[in-house]
Amino acid sequence: MHKQKGATFISWVAGLGVVIFAFITIVKLAPIYIEFYAVHSLMDKIAMDSSLRNASTQQIRGKVSDYLDINGIYGIKPENFSIEQVEGKENVHALAVNYEVRKHWIANIDFLTTFEYSKELGKAGDT
């Protein structure tokens, strides 16, 4: 008697379903994380600008807005950024971003992702 080897039709359909499920998930989540890494990068560039160490909040917000426009990041508003006093350091500020992205997934299920990042301003002038 010869034993059959390989996967059955149902096994192939189940495996294909898992692959499609994973593909849909990646396609929905990848742009969100790519956008966050762009925001992360622009915050690092702004923080490296040593002239912003003593800049006003309005100047920093203007710089953030310019970077968002130049990089084509339209899903995040300049209002999501805040300038905070660094604890334990006088006259040192940090640029922080905190935002949520809701992305439709399948049927009535959504992804809700939260992003937070903070970077001390004017670090390029430090040695």
N, C-alpha and C. Protein backbone atom coordinates (compact mmCIF):
# COMPACT_ATOMS: atom_id res chain seq x y z
N MET A 1 0.83 -1.17 0.00
CA MET A 1 0.00 0.00 0.00
C MET A 1 0.88 1.24 0.00
N HIS A 2 0.54 2.21 -0.84
CA HIS A 2 1.31 3.44 -1.01
C HIS A 2 0.68 4.56 -0.17
N LYS A 3 1.50 5.20 0.67
CA LYS A 3 1.00 6.31 1.51
C LYS A 3 1.08 7.62 0.72
N GLN A 4 0.06 8.42 0.86
CA GLN A 4 0.04 9.71 0.19
C GLN A 4 0.91 10.69 0.96
N LYS A 5 1.69 11.48 0.24
CA LYS A 5 2.57 12.48 0.85
C LYS A 5 2.14 13.86 0.38
N GLY A 6 2.36 14.85 1.20
CA GLY A 6 2.01 16.22 0.83
C GLY A 6 0.80 16.71 1.58
N ALA A 7 0.47 17.95 1.32
CA ALA A 7 -0.64 18.59 2.02
C ALA A 7 -1.94 18.37 1.26
N THR A 8 -3.02 18.32 2.00
CA THR A 8 -4.34 18.18 1.39
C THR A 8 -4.81 19.54 0.91
N PHE A 9 -5.90 19.54 0.18
CA PHE A 9 -6.46 20.79 -0.32
C PHE A 9 -6.83 21.73 0.82
N ILE A 10 -7.40 21.19 1.87
CA ILE A 10 -7.79 22.02 3.03
C ILE A 10 -6.57 22.61 3.70
N SER A 11 -5.48 21.86 3.77
CA SER A 11 -4.24 22.38 4.36
C SER A 11 -3.69 23.53 3.52
N TRP A 12 -3.76 23.39 2.19
CA TRP A 12 -3.30 24.46 1.31
C TRP A 12 -4.15 25.71 1.47
N VAL A 13 -5.45 25.56 1.54
CA VAL A 13 -6.34 26.70 1.69
C VAL A 13 -6.10 27.38 3.04
N ALA A 14 -5.92 26.60 4.11
CA ALA A 14 -5.65 27.17 5.43
C ALA A 14 -4.32 27.92 5.43
N GLY A 15 -3.30 27.33 4.83
CA GLY A 15 -1.99 27.98 4.75
C GLY A 15 -2.04 29.27 3.94
N LEU A 16 -2.77 29.23 2.83
CA LEU A 16 -2.94 30.42 2.01
C LEU A 16 -3.70 31.50 2.76
N GLY A 17 -4.68 31.10 3.55
CA GLY A 17 -5.44 32.05 4.37
C GLY A 17 -4.55 32.75 5.38
N VAL A 18 -3.65 32.01 6.01
CA VAL A 18 -2.73 32.60 6.98
C VAL A 18 -1.79 33.59 6.28
N VAL A 19 -1.30 33.22 5.09
CA VAL A 19 -0.40 34.10 4.35
C VAL A 19 -1.12 35.39 3.95
N ILE A 20 -2.35 35.28 3.47
CA ILE A 20 -3.13 36.46 3.09
C ILE A 20 -3.42 37.34 4.30
N PHE A 21 -3.76 36.70 5.41
CA PHE A 21 -4.02 37.41 6.67
C PHE A 21 -2.79 38.22 7.09
N ALA A 22 -1.61 37.58 7.04
CA ALA A 22 -0.36 38.26 7.41
C ALA A 22 -0.05 39.39 6.43
N PHE A 23 -0.28 39.16 5.14
CA PHE A 23 -0.01 40.17 4.12
C PHE A 23 -0.88 41.40 4.33
N ILE A 24 -2.16 41.21 4.60
CA ILE A 24 -3.07 42.33 4.84
C ILE A 24 -2.61 43.13 6.06
N THR A 25 -2.20 42.43 7.09
CA THR A 25 -1.74 43.09 8.31
C THR A 25 -0.50 43.94 8.03
N ILE A 26 0.45 43.39 7.30
CA ILE A 26 1.68 44.13 6.98
C ILE A 26 1.38 45.34 6.10
N VAL A 27 0.52 45.16 5.12
CA VAL A 27 0.18 46.26 4.21
C VAL A 27 -0.52 47.39 4.97
N LYS A 28 -1.31 47.07 5.96
CA LYS A 28 -2.02 48.10 6.73
C LYS A 28 -1.11 48.80 7.73
N LEU A 29 -0.17 48.06 8.37
CA LEU A 29 0.66 48.64 9.43
C LEU A 29 1.95 49.28 8.94
N ALA A 30 2.51 48.81 7.85
CA ALA A 30 3.81 49.32 7.39
C ALA A 30 3.80 50.83 7.17
N PRO A 31 2.81 51.42 6.49
CA PRO A 31 2.85 52.88 6.29
C PRO A 31 2.82 53.68 7.59
N ILE A 32 2.14 53.16 8.59
CA ILE A 32 2.06 53.86 9.88
C ILE A 32 3.45 53.93 10.51
N TYR A 33 4.19 52.82 10.49
CA TYR A 33 5.52 52.80 11.09
C TYR A 33 6.53 53.56 10.24
N ILE A 34 6.39 53.54 8.93
CA ILE A 34 7.27 54.32 8.08
C ILE A 34 7.08 55.81 8.37
N GLU A 35 5.84 56.23 8.56
CA GLU A 35 5.56 57.62 8.91
C GLU A 35 6.18 57.98 10.26
N PHE A 36 6.09 57.07 11.24
CA PHE A 36 6.68 57.35 12.55
C PHE A 36 8.20 57.47 12.45
N TYR A 37 8.84 56.63 11.66
CA TYR A 37 10.29 56.74 11.51
C TYR A 37 10.68 58.03 10.81
N ALA A 38 9.84 58.55 9.92
CA ALA A 38 10.08 59.85 9.30
C ALA A 38 9.98 60.95 10.35
N VAL A 39 8.98 60.87 11.23
CA VAL A 39 8.83 61.85 12.32
C VAL A 39 10.02 61.75 13.27
N HIS A 40 10.43 60.54 13.59
CA HIS A 40 11.58 60.29 14.45
C HIS A 40 12.82 60.95 13.85
N SER A 41 13.02 60.78 12.56
CA SER A 41 14.17 61.35 11.88
C SER A 41 14.13 62.87 11.87
N LEU A 42 12.98 63.45 11.59
CA LEU A 42 12.90 64.91 11.57
C LEU A 42 13.10 65.49 12.95
N MET A 43 12.66 64.80 13.99
CA MET A 43 12.89 65.28 15.35
C MET A 43 14.38 65.24 15.68
N ASP A 44 15.07 64.19 15.24
CA ASP A 44 16.51 64.12 15.47
C ASP A 44 17.23 65.25 14.75
N LYS A 45 16.79 65.58 13.52
CA LYS A 45 17.41 66.68 12.77
C LYS A 45 17.17 68.02 13.46
N ILE A 46 15.97 68.22 13.94
CA ILE A 46 15.66 69.47 14.65
C ILE A 46 16.46 69.56 15.94
N ALA A 47 16.58 68.45 16.65
CA ALA A 47 17.33 68.44 17.91
C ALA A 47 18.82 68.69 17.69
N MET A 48 19.33 68.30 16.54
CA MET A 48 20.76 68.50 16.24
C MET A 48 21.08 69.96 15.93
N ASP A 49 20.07 70.75 15.65
CA ASP A 49 20.27 72.17 15.34
C ASP A 49 20.58 72.91 16.64
N SER A 50 21.85 73.26 16.83
CA SER A 50 22.27 73.88 18.09
C SER A 50 21.69 75.28 18.26
N SER A 51 21.24 75.91 17.17
CA SER A 51 20.66 77.26 17.29
C SER A 51 19.29 77.23 17.97
N LEU A 52 18.67 76.06 18.06
CA LEU A 52 17.34 75.96 18.68
C LEU A 52 17.40 75.76 20.20
N ARG A 53 18.60 75.69 20.74
CA ARG A 53 18.72 75.49 22.19
C ARG A 53 18.04 76.62 22.95
N ASN A 54 18.17 77.85 22.48
CA ASN A 54 17.57 79.00 23.15
C ASN A 54 16.44 79.61 22.34
N ALA A 55 15.90 78.87 21.41
CA ALA A 55 14.82 79.38 20.56
C ALA A 55 13.51 79.40 21.33
N SER A 56 12.61 80.26 20.85
CA SER A 56 11.29 80.33 21.48
C SER A 56 10.44 79.15 21.02
N THR A 57 9.37 78.93 21.76
CA THR A 57 8.45 77.84 21.41
C THR A 57 7.87 78.05 20.03
N GLN A 58 7.58 79.28 19.68
CA GLN A 58 7.01 79.59 18.37
C GLN A 58 8.01 79.28 17.25
N GLN A 59 9.28 79.56 17.45
CA GLN A 59 10.30 79.26 16.45
C GLN A 59 10.45 77.75 16.25
N ILE A 60 10.41 77.03 17.35
CA ILE A 60 10.54 75.57 17.27
C ILE A 60 9.33 74.98 16.57
N ARG A 61 8.14 75.45 16.91
CA ARG A 61 6.93 74.97 16.23
C ARG A 61 6.95 75.28 14.74
N GLY A 62 7.48 76.44 14.38
CA GLY A 62 7.62 76.80 12.98
C GLY A 62 8.56 75.86 12.24
N LYS A 63 9.65 75.50 12.90
CA LYS A 63 10.61 74.56 12.31
C LYS A 63 9.98 73.18 12.13
N VAL A 64 9.23 72.74 13.12
CA VAL A 64 8.54 71.45 13.03
C VAL A 64 7.55 71.46 11.88
N SER A 65 6.78 72.52 11.78
CA SER A 65 5.79 72.65 10.72
C SER A 65 6.45 72.62 9.34
N ASP A 66 7.59 73.32 9.22
CA ASP A 66 8.33 73.32 7.96
C ASP A 66 8.80 71.92 7.59
N TYR A 67 9.36 71.20 8.55
CA TYR A 67 9.83 69.84 8.30
C TYR A 67 8.68 68.91 7.91
N LEU A 68 7.53 69.06 8.57
CA LEU A 68 6.38 68.22 8.23
C LEU A 68 5.93 68.48 6.79
N ASP A 69 5.90 69.75 6.40
CA ASP A 69 5.50 70.11 5.04
C ASP A 69 6.50 69.61 4.01
N ILE A 70 7.78 69.83 4.27
CA ILE A 70 8.82 69.43 3.32
C ILE A 70 8.83 67.91 3.12
N ASN A 71 8.65 67.16 4.20
CA ASN A 71 8.70 65.70 4.12
C ASN A 71 7.37 65.08 3.72
N GLY A 72 6.34 65.89 3.54
CA GLY A 72 5.05 65.36 3.11
C GLY A 72 4.35 64.52 4.15
N ILE A 73 4.53 64.87 5.41
CA ILE A 73 3.88 64.14 6.50
C ILE A 73 2.63 64.92 6.88
N TYR A 74 1.50 64.50 6.34
CA TYR A 74 0.25 65.25 6.51
C TYR A 74 -0.66 64.63 7.57
N GLY A 75 -0.38 63.42 8.01
CA GLY A 75 -1.24 62.77 8.99
C GLY A 75 -0.99 63.24 10.41
N ILE A 76 0.11 63.92 10.64
CA ILE A 76 0.47 64.37 11.97
C ILE A 76 0.47 65.89 11.97
N LYS A 77 -0.21 66.46 12.92
CA LYS A 77 -0.35 67.91 13.01
C LYS A 77 0.75 68.47 13.92
N PRO A 78 1.14 69.72 13.69
CA PRO A 78 2.12 70.34 14.58
C PRO A 78 1.64 70.40 16.04
N GLU A 79 0.33 70.34 16.24
CA GLU A 79 -0.21 70.36 17.61
C GLU A 79 0.15 69.08 18.38
N ASN A 80 0.53 68.01 17.69
CA ASN A 80 0.93 66.78 18.36
C ASN A 80 2.31 66.89 19.00
N PHE A 81 3.03 67.95 18.65
CA PHE A 81 4.37 68.17 19.19
C PHE A 81 4.28 69.12 20.38
N SER A 82 5.13 68.87 21.37
CA SER A 82 5.17 69.77 22.52
C SER A 82 6.63 70.04 22.88
N ILE A 83 6.86 71.18 23.49
CA ILE A 83 8.19 71.54 23.97
C ILE A 83 8.11 71.50 25.49
N GLU A 84 8.95 70.65 26.05
CA GLU A 84 8.90 70.42 27.51
C GLU A 84 10.23 70.80 28.14
N GLN A 85 10.16 71.20 29.40
CA GLN A 85 11.36 71.46 30.19
C GLN A 85 11.95 70.12 30.63
N VAL A 86 13.25 69.93 30.44
CA VAL A 86 13.91 68.70 30.86
C VAL A 86 14.12 68.76 32.36
N GLU A 87 13.68 67.71 33.05
CA GLU A 87 13.80 67.67 34.51
C GLU A 87 15.26 67.64 34.93
N GLY A 88 15.58 68.42 35.93
CA GLY A 88 16.93 68.43 36.49
C GLY A 88 17.91 69.29 35.70
N LYS A 89 17.47 69.88 34.59
CA LYS A 89 18.35 70.73 33.79
C LYS A 89 17.66 72.06 33.56
N GLU A 90 18.36 73.12 33.92
CA GLU A 90 17.78 74.44 33.76
C GLU A 90 18.00 74.95 32.35
N ASN A 91 17.01 75.58 31.78
CA ASN A 91 17.04 76.15 30.42
C ASN A 91 17.33 75.11 29.34
N VAL A 92 16.96 73.87 29.57
CA VAL A 92 17.11 72.83 28.56
C VAL A 92 15.72 72.31 28.23
N HIS A 93 15.40 72.31 26.94
CA HIS A 93 14.08 71.88 26.50
C HIS A 93 14.18 70.62 25.65
N ALA A 94 13.07 69.91 25.58
CA ALA A 94 12.99 68.72 24.75
C ALA A 94 11.77 68.84 23.84
N LEU A 95 11.92 68.35 22.64
CA LEU A 95 10.82 68.29 21.70
C LEU A 95 10.21 66.90 21.82
N ALA A 96 8.91 66.85 22.06
CA ALA A 96 8.23 65.57 22.25
C ALA A 96 7.05 65.47 21.30
N VAL A 97 6.78 64.26 20.86
CA VAL A 97 5.61 64.00 20.04
C VAL A 97 4.84 62.85 20.67
N ASN A 98 3.54 62.97 20.63
CA ASN A 98 2.66 61.95 21.19
C ASN A 98 1.39 61.96 20.34
N TYR A 99 1.14 60.86 19.63
CA TYR A 99 -0.05 60.81 18.79
C TYR A 99 -0.52 59.37 18.62
N GLU A 100 -1.77 59.24 18.19
CA GLU A 100 -2.38 57.95 17.94
C GLU A 100 -2.82 57.88 16.49
N VAL A 101 -2.76 56.68 15.92
CA VAL A 101 -3.23 56.45 14.56
C VAL A 101 -4.21 55.28 14.61
N ARG A 102 -5.40 55.51 14.09
CA ARG A 102 -6.40 54.44 13.99
C ARG A 102 -6.48 54.03 12.52
N LYS A 103 -6.26 52.74 12.27
CA LYS A 103 -6.25 52.23 10.90
C LYS A 103 -7.23 51.07 10.79
N HIS A 104 -8.14 51.18 9.83
CA HIS A 104 -9.11 50.10 9.60
C HIS A 104 -8.37 48.85 9.17
N TRP A 105 -8.81 47.70 9.67
CA TRP A 105 -8.14 46.44 9.35
C TRP A 105 -9.07 45.53 8.57
N ILE A 106 -9.90 44.79 9.25
CA ILE A 106 -10.84 43.87 8.61
C ILE A 106 -12.20 44.03 9.28
N ALA A 107 -13.24 44.09 8.47
CA ALA A 107 -14.62 44.20 8.95
C ALA A 107 -14.73 45.39 9.90
N ASN A 108 -15.09 45.16 11.15
CA ASN A 108 -15.22 46.26 12.11
C ASN A 108 -14.07 46.27 13.11
N ILE A 109 -12.92 45.75 12.73
CA ILE A 109 -11.74 45.70 13.59
C ILE A 109 -10.74 46.74 13.10
N ASP A 110 -10.26 47.57 14.03
CA ASP A 110 -9.28 48.61 13.72
C ASP A 110 -8.02 48.39 14.54
N PHE A 111 -6.90 48.87 14.00
CA PHE A 111 -5.66 48.95 14.76
C PHE A 111 -5.61 50.34 15.38
N LEU A 112 -5.23 50.43 16.64
CA LEU A 112 -4.99 51.70 17.29
C LEU A 112 -3.55 51.67 17.77
N THR A 113 -2.71 52.48 17.13
CA THR A 113 -1.30 52.51 17.49
C THR A 113 -0.98 53.86 18.13
N THR A 114 -0.18 53.83 19.16
CA THR A 114 0.22 55.03 19.89
C THR A 114 1.73 55.20 19.75
N PHE A 115 2.14 56.41 19.42
CA PHE A 115 3.55 56.69 19.24
C PHE A 115 3.97 57.82 20.16
N GLU A 116 5.12 57.65 20.81
CA GLU A 116 5.69 58.67 21.69
C GLU A 116 7.19 58.71 21.44
N TYR A 117 7.73 59.92 21.38
CA TYR A 117 9.18 60.08 21.23
C TYR A 117 9.54 61.45 21.75
N SER A 118 10.70 61.56 22.37
CA SER A 118 11.17 62.82 22.91
C SER A 118 12.66 62.95 22.65
N LYS A 119 13.08 64.16 22.33
CA LYS A 119 14.50 64.40 22.04
C LYS A 119 14.89 65.76 22.60
N GLU A 120 16.01 65.80 23.31
CA GLU A 120 16.51 67.05 23.89
C GLU A 120 17.02 67.96 22.77
N LEU A 121 16.68 69.23 22.84
CA LEU A 121 17.05 70.20 21.79
C LEU A 121 18.47 70.71 21.98
N GLY A 122 19.14 70.96 20.87
CA GLY A 122 20.46 71.58 20.89
C GLY A 122 21.59 70.67 21.29
N LYS A 123 21.43 69.36 21.09
CA LYS A 123 22.47 68.42 21.51
C LYS A 123 23.72 68.50 20.65
N ALA A 124 23.64 69.05 19.43
CA ALA A 124 24.81 69.09 18.54
C ALA A 124 25.90 69.99 19.12
N GLY A 125 25.52 71.01 19.89
CA GLY A 125 26.51 71.91 20.47
C GLY A 125 27.20 71.34 21.68
N ASP A 126 26.73 70.24 22.23
CA ASP A 126 27.32 69.64 23.42
C ASP A 126 28.52 68.79 23.03
N THR A 127 29.49 68.74 23.93
CA THR A 127 30.65 67.85 23.72
C THR A 127 30.84 66.97 24.90
